[in-house]
Amino acid sequence: MKRKTVCRAFCGIFFALLWIPLIGMLFYPKREVNQKQALSPFPRIQTDGKWNLHFLSELGDYFSDHFAFRWELIQANSLIKGKVFGMSGDDSVIQGTDGYYFYTDSLDSYQGRLSLDQRELYSAARMLALIQEYVENQGGKFVFAVAPNKNTLYPQYMPYYYRQIQKNGELELLQEKLEEAGVAYADLKQAFSEEEQVLYHRLDSHWNNQGAALVMETILDALEQPHTDYSEIPYEVRKDFDGDLYEMVYPLGREKDENVYYEKDYTFSYGDGFQSTEDMNIYTGNPGKKHRAVVFRDSFGNSLTPFLAEEYEKGYFSRTVPYPVDALEQEKADTLIFEIVERHLNILANRAPRMPAPVRDYSKWGQEEMAGQTMEVEEDGAYIKVQGMLKGEGLDTDSEVYVRCISPEHTVVYEAFPLNRNLEHPDSYGYGMYIPKGQLEPGNYIMEVLCKKNGAWVTSGYINSFTAV
């Protein structure tokens, strides 16, 4: 009898505990947490007058994000793993030594495991070379820069059990391709390596303001443009910065990171509609300067934007993809700066930049050997967008891709951007380009693709058509 009572009491307590996260939602106060992730909203039973067939699954997502004591449990789990076992409580974050945190998705680059093959490296370099060609044809200057991963610069703070397989990773291999292609490159890794101080945050994946100032100077040095020398400007250090990696691990944590603040009166201003440096598009102005810049950026540009904005009469900072290269003309700019973080190099050639495809005077007909090629043609604003896949073994990894448009009266050959392979078809290469409307004479055009296979030019034959008006 006593055993039954104990068992019933145990079962009662067990099931009561299971109900606490649900019932507790009635009383659990909304907590201010550091996490920036969007939480699932409460689902609607009906949407647009129709029953929501995904209501139950969406309700499960809502419960997973909002159940009582969720944040306290995450915090407790992270504290136990971090303080007792020296491990991160979030799989997306690596807990290093001396209070340093790193992104897990930078691990492959750190260890030297390559995710880009030779075709993808070539595609990235060729894409940048074609962008540079367009900018220079407009009378402007171009420079490309890679923001190094934190563990690329400061491997001494990585856990000992993550061994580096090889030193030269994708960044070094891409630099070789860029040099071969003649692409203007600002070597940020070299610039940071020459500094004795650590210029990245401990609790964040990005550089601090002192690092951002160094990046601005390195980029403008590559452009041979005069700029502010921040080594001569006094600064103070404040412990007031919220680290993104720390927030992912400790959503209720209150630890702050240090940041650098220069004692300088900035003269630039932000344009209308500005909310924060995380905006997709930012416009800036500084009447005291001469040049105008278009800047492609990612989250590393958040702290970099003010330093660059200070140096330009007009600035347009964009996180838009596909990259709006034609903004150079629209903004009447004379400089294009392209920044991307090392751990995202694999997405560099995912999509063709938005700019007029270069016209080529090319007479290589090739032999019809390719089969199963694809091409999609559609209108896209002021352009005709062309994209597709080249399939088959033996396609050269370092081959340009040309698209020939043929009408009874006219033949025009464009060079398309070589893009990354389709993961579902490992032997395939992507390509894409934009043809400005009105550039072609009116008429019906048939289209074919040319590239190299085993060193010889081959053609797809006619695989699509469109009408120019």
Protein backbone atom coordinates (compact mmCIF):
# COMPACT_ATOMS: atom_id res chain seq x y z
CA MET A 1 0.00 0.00 0.00
CA LYS A 2 2.85 2.33 0.88
CA ARG A 3 4.59 1.60 -2.43
CA LYS A 4 1.39 2.43 -4.37
CA THR A 5 1.10 5.73 -2.52
CA VAL A 6 4.69 6.63 -3.32
CA CYS A 7 4.22 5.69 -6.99
CA ARG A 8 1.04 7.74 -7.23
CA ALA A 9 2.70 10.71 -5.59
CA PHE A 10 5.68 10.42 -7.96
CA CYS A 11 3.41 10.21 -11.02
CA GLY A 12 1.34 13.14 -9.77
CA ILE A 13 4.44 15.31 -9.28
CA PHE A 14 5.84 14.23 -12.67
CA PHE A 15 2.68 15.15 -14.59
CA ALA A 16 2.29 18.38 -12.60
CA LEU A 17 5.79 19.38 -13.67
CA LEU A 18 4.90 18.65 -17.28
CA TRP A 19 1.97 21.07 -17.06
CA ILE A 20 3.99 23.92 -15.50
CA PRO A 21 5.41 25.26 -18.83
CA LEU A 22 1.90 25.41 -20.31
CA ILE A 23 -0.14 26.64 -17.34
CA GLY A 24 2.67 28.97 -16.35
CA MET A 25 2.16 30.89 -19.58
CA LEU A 26 -0.95 32.42 -17.97
CA PHE A 27 1.17 34.07 -15.28
CA TYR A 28 4.67 34.17 -16.79
CA PRO A 29 5.65 37.82 -17.43
CA LYS A 30 7.10 38.91 -20.74
CA ARG A 31 10.85 39.03 -20.32
CA GLU A 32 13.28 41.42 -21.95
CA VAL A 33 15.93 39.14 -23.41
CA ASN A 34 19.05 39.76 -25.44
CA GLN A 35 18.11 37.40 -28.24
CA LYS A 36 17.49 39.13 -31.58
CA GLN A 37 15.73 36.15 -33.16
CA ALA A 38 12.10 36.60 -34.20
CA LEU A 39 9.73 34.55 -32.04
CA SER A 40 6.78 32.73 -33.56
CA PRO A 41 3.51 34.69 -33.26
CA PHE A 42 0.27 33.12 -32.07
CA PRO A 43 -1.27 31.47 -35.17
CA ARG A 44 -4.56 32.47 -36.72
CA ILE A 45 -7.34 29.94 -37.08
CA GLN A 46 -8.32 31.49 -40.39
CA THR A 47 -6.23 33.33 -42.99
CA ASP A 48 -7.83 35.21 -45.89
CA GLY A 49 -11.20 33.67 -45.01
CA LYS A 50 -9.88 30.11 -45.19
CA TRP A 51 -9.14 27.63 -42.43
CA ASN A 52 -5.47 27.56 -41.49
CA LEU A 53 -4.47 23.94 -42.11
CA HIS A 54 -1.13 24.54 -40.40
CA PHE A 55 -2.68 25.85 -37.18
CA LEU A 56 -1.55 22.97 -34.95
CA SER A 57 2.04 22.96 -36.19
CA GLU A 58 2.21 26.77 -35.86
CA LEU A 59 0.73 26.48 -32.38
CA GLY A 60 3.52 24.06 -31.51
CA ASP A 61 6.08 26.58 -32.79
CA TYR A 62 4.47 29.29 -30.69
CA PHE A 63 4.59 27.13 -27.56
CA SER A 64 8.25 26.24 -28.19
CA ASP A 65 9.15 29.94 -28.26
CA HIS A 66 6.92 31.16 -25.41
CA PHE A 67 6.48 28.46 -22.76
CA ALA A 68 6.97 29.55 -19.14
CA PHE A 69 10.55 29.71 -17.82
CA ARG A 70 12.01 29.06 -21.28
CA TRP A 71 14.66 31.74 -20.96
CA GLU A 72 15.58 30.74 -17.42
CA LEU A 73 16.10 27.15 -18.53
CA ILE A 74 18.25 28.23 -21.49
CA GLN A 75 20.28 30.47 -19.19
CA ALA A 76 20.74 27.69 -16.63
CA ASN A 77 21.77 25.20 -19.32
CA SER A 78 24.34 27.65 -20.69
CA LEU A 79 25.72 28.45 -17.24
CA ILE A 80 26.20 24.78 -16.40
CA LYS A 81 27.83 23.96 -19.74
CA GLY A 82 29.95 27.11 -19.75
CA LYS A 83 31.10 27.31 -16.15
CA VAL A 84 31.40 23.58 -15.40
CA PHE A 85 32.37 22.00 -18.72
CA GLY A 86 33.77 25.00 -20.62
CA MET A 87 31.32 24.44 -23.49
CA SER A 88 28.82 26.68 -25.23
CA GLY A 89 25.12 26.25 -24.48
CA ASP A 90 24.27 27.11 -28.09
CA ASP A 91 25.37 24.91 -30.99
CA SER A 92 25.86 28.01 -33.16
CA VAL A 93 28.53 29.39 -30.84
CA ILE A 94 31.96 28.12 -29.79
CA GLN A 95 33.11 29.10 -26.31
CA GLY A 96 36.82 29.82 -26.46
CA THR A 97 39.36 30.72 -23.80
CA ASP A 98 39.68 33.98 -21.85
CA GLY A 99 35.99 34.78 -22.41
CA TYR A 100 36.12 34.78 -26.23
CA TYR A 101 33.24 33.47 -28.34
CA PHE A 102 33.25 32.40 -32.01
CA TYR A 103 30.67 31.45 -34.64
CA THR A 104 30.50 27.71 -35.22
CA ASP A 105 29.98 28.22 -38.96
CA SER A 106 33.50 29.68 -39.16
CA LEU A 107 34.98 26.35 -38.04
CA ASP A 108 35.49 24.91 -41.53
CA SER A 109 37.50 27.97 -42.59
CA TYR A 110 39.49 27.87 -39.36
CA GLN A 111 40.42 24.21 -39.76
CA GLY A 112 41.11 24.54 -43.47
CA ARG A 113 38.28 22.35 -44.71
CA LEU A 114 37.32 23.66 -48.14
CA SER A 115 33.68 24.04 -49.13
CA LEU A 116 34.41 25.85 -52.42
CA ASP A 117 35.65 23.86 -55.40
CA GLN A 118 37.79 25.27 -58.21
CA ARG A 119 34.77 26.28 -60.30
CA GLU A 120 33.22 28.21 -57.42
CA LEU A 121 36.50 29.98 -56.69
CA TYR A 122 36.80 30.90 -60.35
CA SER A 123 33.17 32.05 -60.47
CA ALA A 124 33.66 34.38 -57.50
CA ALA A 125 36.83 35.90 -58.95
CA ARG A 126 35.35 36.27 -62.44
CA MET A 127 32.20 37.88 -61.05
CA LEU A 128 34.30 40.48 -59.20
CA ALA A 129 36.46 41.06 -62.29
CA LEU A 130 33.35 41.78 -64.39
CA ILE A 131 32.02 44.17 -61.73
CA GLN A 132 35.37 45.94 -61.67
CA GLU A 133 35.35 46.18 -65.48
CA TYR A 134 31.91 47.81 -65.38
CA VAL A 135 32.98 50.30 -62.70
CA GLU A 136 36.15 51.25 -64.53
CA ASN A 137 34.24 51.69 -67.80
CA GLN A 138 32.12 54.23 -65.90
CA GLY A 139 35.29 56.05 -64.92
CA GLY A 140 35.17 54.84 -61.32
CA LYS A 141 37.30 52.85 -58.89
CA PHE A 142 36.58 49.44 -57.39
CA VAL A 143 37.94 47.53 -54.40
CA PHE A 144 36.99 44.22 -52.81
CA ALA A 145 37.61 43.34 -49.16
CA VAL A 146 37.01 40.25 -47.04
CA ALA A 147 36.28 40.66 -43.33
CA PRO A 148 38.33 37.87 -41.70
CA ASN A 149 36.62 35.48 -39.31
CA LYS A 150 37.57 36.21 -35.72
CA ASN A 151 39.29 32.85 -35.29
CA THR A 152 41.30 33.47 -38.47
CA LEU A 153 42.95 36.43 -36.75
CA TYR A 154 42.97 35.21 -33.14
CA PRO A 155 43.31 31.42 -33.17
CA GLN A 156 44.99 31.50 -29.75
CA TYR A 157 41.56 31.89 -28.14
CA MET A 158 40.02 28.86 -29.84
CA PRO A 159 39.54 25.64 -27.81
CA TYR A 160 42.60 23.36 -28.04
CA TYR A 161 40.59 20.44 -29.39
CA TYR A 162 39.81 22.20 -32.68
CA ARG A 163 42.88 21.38 -34.73
CA GLN A 164 43.82 23.26 -37.89
CA ILE A 165 44.17 20.80 -40.75
CA GLN A 166 45.89 23.24 -43.09
CA LYS A 167 46.79 26.90 -42.93
CA ASN A 168 45.76 28.01 -46.42
CA GLY A 169 41.98 27.98 -46.66
CA GLU A 170 39.43 29.46 -49.04
CA LEU A 171 40.45 33.04 -48.30
CA GLU A 172 44.02 32.42 -49.46
CA LEU A 173 42.86 30.42 -52.49
CA LEU A 174 40.43 33.18 -53.47
CA GLN A 175 43.16 35.79 -53.11
CA GLU A 176 45.24 33.85 -55.64
CA LYS A 177 42.31 33.85 -58.08
CA LEU A 178 41.75 37.57 -57.53
CA GLU A 179 45.39 38.31 -58.27
CA GLU A 180 45.21 36.27 -61.47
CA ALA A 181 42.06 38.14 -62.51
CA GLY A 182 43.53 41.55 -61.66
CA VAL A 183 40.86 42.39 -59.10
CA ALA A 184 41.67 45.30 -56.77
CA TYR A 185 41.84 43.83 -53.27
CA ALA A 186 42.23 45.38 -49.81
CA ASP A 187 43.95 42.78 -47.62
CA LEU A 188 42.20 43.18 -44.27
CA LYS A 189 43.74 40.02 -42.84
CA GLN A 190 47.21 41.45 -43.35
CA ALA A 191 46.16 44.81 -41.88
CA PHE A 192 44.78 43.22 -38.68
CA SER A 193 47.75 40.87 -38.37
CA GLU A 194 50.09 43.86 -38.17
CA GLU A 195 48.25 45.23 -35.12
CA GLU A 196 49.34 44.15 -31.64
CA GLN A 197 45.92 44.79 -30.11
CA VAL A 198 42.91 42.55 -30.53
CA LEU A 199 40.50 44.64 -32.60
CA TYR A 200 37.51 42.28 -32.49
CA HIS A 201 35.01 42.05 -29.63
CA ARG A 202 35.34 39.23 -27.09
CA LEU A 203 31.60 38.61 -26.94
CA ASP A 204 30.74 39.44 -30.54
CA SER A 205 31.67 38.13 -33.98
CA HIS A 206 32.61 41.56 -35.38
CA TRP A 207 35.44 44.04 -35.16
CA ASN A 208 35.16 46.93 -32.70
CA ASN A 209 35.20 50.60 -33.68
CA GLN A 210 38.99 50.69 -33.67
CA GLY A 211 38.95 47.74 -36.06
CA ALA A 212 36.36 49.50 -38.24
CA ALA A 213 38.60 52.58 -38.43
CA LEU A 214 41.51 50.35 -39.51
CA VAL A 215 39.33 48.75 -42.20
CA MET A 216 38.28 52.14 -43.55
CA GLU A 217 41.90 53.25 -43.75
CA THR A 218 42.99 50.01 -45.44
CA ILE A 219 40.22 50.22 -48.04
CA LEU A 220 40.85 53.88 -48.85
CA ASP A 221 44.59 53.26 -49.01
CA ALA A 222 43.86 50.63 -51.67
CA LEU A 223 41.78 53.24 -53.52
CA GLU A 224 44.61 55.79 -53.10
CA GLN A 225 42.14 58.21 -51.53
CA PRO A 226 43.10 60.60 -48.70
CA HIS A 227 41.30 59.91 -45.43
CA THR A 228 41.20 60.56 -41.70
CA ASP A 229 44.12 59.07 -39.73
CA TYR A 230 42.50 57.67 -36.58
CA SER A 231 45.85 56.73 -35.03
CA GLU A 232 46.24 60.42 -34.22
CA ILE A 233 42.78 60.85 -32.65
CA PRO A 234 42.30 60.26 -28.89
CA TYR A 235 39.65 57.76 -27.83
CA GLU A 236 38.05 56.30 -24.75
CA VAL A 237 37.04 52.74 -24.00
CA ARG A 238 33.57 52.06 -22.61
CA LYS A 239 32.13 48.78 -21.46
CA ASP A 240 28.70 49.24 -23.03
CA PHE A 241 28.53 46.96 -26.08
CA ASP A 242 26.07 44.05 -26.43
CA GLY A 243 27.84 41.07 -27.99
CA ASP A 244 25.79 39.04 -30.46
CA LEU A 245 27.43 35.70 -29.61
CA TYR A 246 27.10 36.23 -25.87
CA GLU A 247 23.41 37.06 -26.32
CA MET A 248 22.85 33.81 -28.21
CA VAL A 249 24.31 31.80 -25.33
CA TYR A 250 23.00 33.83 -22.38
CA PRO A 251 19.62 35.38 -23.28
CA LEU A 252 19.21 36.79 -19.76
CA GLY A 253 22.86 37.74 -19.35
CA ARG A 254 23.88 41.30 -18.65
CA GLU A 255 27.61 41.24 -19.38
CA LYS A 256 28.83 44.05 -21.63
CA ASP A 257 31.76 44.14 -24.01
CA GLU A 258 34.25 46.97 -24.46
CA ASN A 259 34.19 49.32 -27.42
CA VAL A 260 36.28 52.25 -28.61
CA TYR A 261 34.85 55.76 -29.07
CA TYR A 262 36.91 58.42 -30.85
CA GLU A 263 36.91 62.02 -29.66
CA LYS A 264 36.01 63.39 -33.08
CA ASP A 265 33.25 65.66 -34.34
CA TYR A 266 31.71 63.79 -37.26
CA THR A 267 30.28 65.94 -40.04
CA PHE A 268 28.30 63.39 -42.08
CA SER A 269 24.56 62.84 -41.72
CA TYR A 270 22.15 60.00 -42.49
CA GLY A 271 19.41 60.32 -45.10
CA ASP A 272 15.65 60.27 -44.57
CA GLY A 273 14.20 57.06 -43.19
CA PHE A 274 17.36 55.97 -41.40
CA GLN A 275 16.68 53.80 -38.36
CA SER A 276 19.92 51.95 -37.64
CA THR A 277 23.07 50.73 -39.34
CA GLU A 278 21.30 47.37 -39.78
CA ASP A 279 18.98 48.93 -42.39
CA MET A 280 19.04 47.22 -45.80
CA ASN A 281 19.79 50.52 -47.55
CA ILE A 282 21.42 53.57 -46.01
CA TYR A 283 22.09 56.97 -47.58
CA THR A 284 24.61 59.40 -46.14
CA GLY A 285 25.89 62.86 -46.98
CA ASN A 286 28.92 64.96 -46.08
CA PRO A 287 29.13 68.25 -48.03
CA GLY A 288 32.78 68.74 -47.03
CA LYS A 289 33.98 65.79 -49.11
CA LYS A 290 34.36 65.19 -52.86
CA HIS A 291 33.73 61.59 -53.87
CA ARG A 292 30.58 59.45 -53.96
CA ALA A 293 30.55 55.75 -53.05
CA VAL A 294 28.34 52.72 -53.39
CA VAL A 295 29.14 50.15 -50.70
CA PHE A 296 28.01 46.52 -50.64
CA ARG A 297 28.16 45.31 -47.07
CA ASP A 298 27.03 42.73 -44.56
CA SER A 299 26.77 42.94 -40.76
CA PHE A 300 30.45 43.93 -40.54
CA GLY A 301 29.39 47.13 -42.26
CA ASN A 302 27.30 48.18 -39.24
CA SER A 303 30.28 49.73 -37.49
CA LEU A 304 32.14 50.47 -40.75
CA THR A 305 29.38 52.62 -42.26
CA PRO A 306 29.99 55.76 -40.12
CA PHE A 307 33.73 55.71 -40.81
CA LEU A 308 33.23 55.45 -44.58
CA ALA A 309 30.33 57.91 -44.58
CA GLU A 310 32.61 60.51 -43.01
CA GLU A 311 34.94 60.30 -46.04
CA TYR A 312 32.39 60.70 -48.88
CA GLU A 313 30.19 63.49 -50.13
CA LYS A 314 27.45 60.92 -50.81
CA GLY A 315 27.25 57.31 -49.71
CA TYR A 316 24.88 54.49 -50.57
CA PHE A 317 25.31 51.42 -48.33
CA SER A 318 23.40 48.34 -49.43
CA ARG A 319 22.79 44.82 -48.11
CA THR A 320 20.55 44.01 -51.09
CA VAL A 321 21.03 40.79 -53.05
CA PRO A 322 21.41 40.48 -55.99
CA TYR A 323 24.07 43.17 -55.68
CA PRO A 324 22.79 46.38 -57.34
CA VAL A 325 25.95 47.27 -59.27
CA ASP A 326 23.97 49.58 -61.53
CA ALA A 327 23.44 51.83 -58.51
CA LEU A 328 26.82 53.30 -59.45
CA GLU A 329 25.12 55.13 -62.32
CA GLN A 330 21.90 55.83 -60.46
CA GLU A 331 23.75 57.43 -57.54
CA LYS A 332 26.27 59.18 -59.82
CA ALA A 333 29.02 57.54 -57.76
CA ASP A 334 32.68 57.18 -58.69
CA THR A 335 33.63 54.41 -56.24
CA LEU A 336 32.30 50.91 -55.53
CA ILE A 337 33.41 49.14 -52.35
CA PHE A 338 32.49 45.47 -51.91
CA GLU A 339 32.83 43.88 -48.44
CA ILE A 340 31.87 40.36 -47.38
CA VAL A 341 32.81 38.22 -44.38
CA GLU A 342 35.10 35.21 -44.86
CA ARG A 343 32.58 32.65 -43.63
CA HIS A 344 30.14 33.72 -46.36
CA LEU A 345 32.48 33.42 -49.33
CA ASN A 346 30.46 30.40 -50.43
CA ILE A 347 27.48 32.66 -51.28
CA LEU A 348 29.50 35.23 -53.20
CA ALA A 349 28.64 33.80 -56.64
CA ASN A 350 25.18 32.47 -55.84
CA ARG A 351 23.35 35.08 -57.92
CA ALA A 352 24.26 37.35 -60.82
CA PRO A 353 24.79 41.00 -59.84
CA ARG A 354 22.24 43.47 -61.16
CA MET A 355 24.09 45.29 -63.94
CA PRO A 356 24.17 45.32 -67.76
CA ALA A 357 25.87 42.19 -69.05
CA PRO A 358 29.06 43.08 -70.96
CA VAL A 359 28.78 42.84 -74.74
CA ARG A 360 31.55 40.80 -76.33
CA ASP A 361 32.90 40.77 -79.86
CA TYR A 362 33.20 37.03 -79.96
CA SER A 363 33.11 34.64 -82.93
CA LYS A 364 33.67 31.25 -81.30
CA TRP A 365 30.90 29.04 -82.58
CA GLY A 366 31.96 25.86 -80.92
CA GLN A 367 30.65 22.40 -81.55
CA GLU A 368 27.24 21.27 -80.34
CA GLU A 369 28.23 18.85 -77.59
CA MET A 370 26.36 20.03 -74.53
CA ALA A 371 23.00 18.45 -73.80
CA GLY A 372 20.31 19.03 -71.19
CA GLN A 373 21.22 22.69 -70.63
CA THR A 374 18.61 24.99 -69.13
CA MET A 375 17.82 28.67 -69.62
CA GLU A 376 15.10 30.84 -68.11
CA VAL A 377 14.27 34.24 -69.58
CA GLU A 378 11.99 36.75 -67.85
CA GLU A 379 11.43 40.47 -67.53
CA ASP A 380 12.84 42.05 -64.38
CA GLY A 381 12.24 45.77 -64.12
CA ALA A 382 14.47 47.57 -66.63
CA TYR A 383 16.16 44.29 -67.61
CA ILE A 384 15.65 40.98 -69.31
CA LYS A 385 16.93 38.45 -66.79
CA VAL A 386 18.63 35.32 -68.13
CA GLN A 387 19.75 32.43 -65.96
CA GLY A 388 20.30 28.71 -66.26
CA MET A 389 22.52 25.67 -65.71
CA LEU A 390 25.26 24.00 -67.75
CA LYS A 391 25.35 20.28 -67.17
CA GLY A 392 27.79 17.50 -67.94
CA GLU A 393 31.21 16.16 -67.09
CA GLY A 394 34.32 17.74 -68.55
CA LEU A 395 33.20 21.38 -68.45
CA ASP A 396 36.28 23.48 -67.74
CA THR A 397 36.41 24.98 -64.26
CA ASP A 398 38.00 28.19 -65.58
CA SER A 399 35.75 28.80 -68.58
CA GLU A 400 33.84 31.98 -69.26
CA VAL A 401 30.17 31.63 -70.19
CA TYR A 402 28.75 33.42 -73.21
CA VAL A 403 25.13 33.81 -74.29
CA ARG A 404 24.48 34.50 -77.94
CA CYS A 405 21.25 36.21 -78.95
CA ILE A 406 20.41 35.76 -82.63
CA SER A 407 17.71 37.34 -84.77
CA PRO A 408 17.46 37.34 -88.58
CA GLU A 409 19.10 40.78 -88.67
CA HIS A 410 21.27 40.91 -85.54
CA THR A 411 23.59 38.79 -83.42
CA VAL A 412 24.76 39.99 -80.02
CA VAL A 413 27.04 38.04 -77.66
CA TYR A 414 27.04 38.72 -73.92
CA GLU A 415 29.32 37.39 -71.22
CA ALA A 416 27.25 35.95 -68.39
CA PHE A 417 28.32 35.68 -64.79
CA PRO A 418 29.52 32.16 -63.96
CA LEU A 419 27.70 31.08 -60.80
CA ASN A 420 28.04 28.33 -58.22
CA ARG A 421 27.00 24.80 -59.04
CA ASN A 422 23.57 23.41 -58.27
CA LEU A 423 23.91 21.16 -55.23
CA GLU A 424 21.36 18.75 -56.70
CA HIS A 425 23.52 18.39 -59.82
CA PRO A 426 27.23 18.29 -58.79
CA ASP A 427 28.40 18.28 -62.43
CA SER A 428 26.49 21.45 -63.28
CA TYR A 429 27.55 25.10 -63.41
CA GLY A 430 25.23 28.05 -63.05
CA TYR A 431 25.20 31.27 -65.06
CA GLY A 432 23.16 34.45 -65.07
CA MET A 433 23.03 37.97 -66.48
CA TYR A 434 20.84 41.02 -67.09
CA ILE A 435 20.23 42.52 -70.56
CA PRO A 436 18.97 46.14 -70.46
CA LYS A 437 15.63 46.55 -72.18
CA GLY A 438 16.01 48.57 -75.35
CA GLN A 439 19.63 47.54 -75.88
CA LEU A 440 18.72 44.96 -78.52
CA GLU A 441 17.10 45.87 -81.83
CA PRO A 442 13.37 44.94 -81.84
CA GLY A 443 12.68 41.43 -83.05
CA ASN A 444 12.52 37.77 -82.15
CA TYR A 445 15.73 36.29 -80.75
CA ILE A 446 16.83 32.72 -80.22
CA MET A 447 19.53 32.06 -77.62
CA GLU A 448 22.36 29.63 -77.02
CA VAL A 449 25.15 29.22 -74.47
CA LEU A 450 28.86 28.73 -75.13
CA CYS A 451 31.59 27.55 -72.77
CA LYS A 452 34.69 25.37 -72.77
CA LYS A 453 34.72 21.62 -72.38
CA ASN A 454 38.05 19.82 -72.21
CA GLY A 455 39.73 22.93 -73.56
CA ALA A 456 37.48 23.35 -76.61
CA TRP A 457 34.56 25.72 -77.11
CA VAL A 458 31.20 23.99 -77.24
CA THR A 459 27.66 25.24 -77.63
CA SER A 460 24.32 24.20 -76.26
CA GLY A 461 22.50 24.86 -79.49
CA TYR A 462 19.35 26.97 -79.37
CA ILE A 463 17.63 26.49 -76.03
CA ASN A 464 15.37 29.51 -75.56
CA SER A 465 13.93 32.61 -77.23
CA PHE A 466 12.45 36.01 -76.44
CA THR A 467 11.08 39.06 -78.19
CA ALA A 468 12.81 42.43 -77.85
CA VAL A 469 10.51 45.44 -78.21
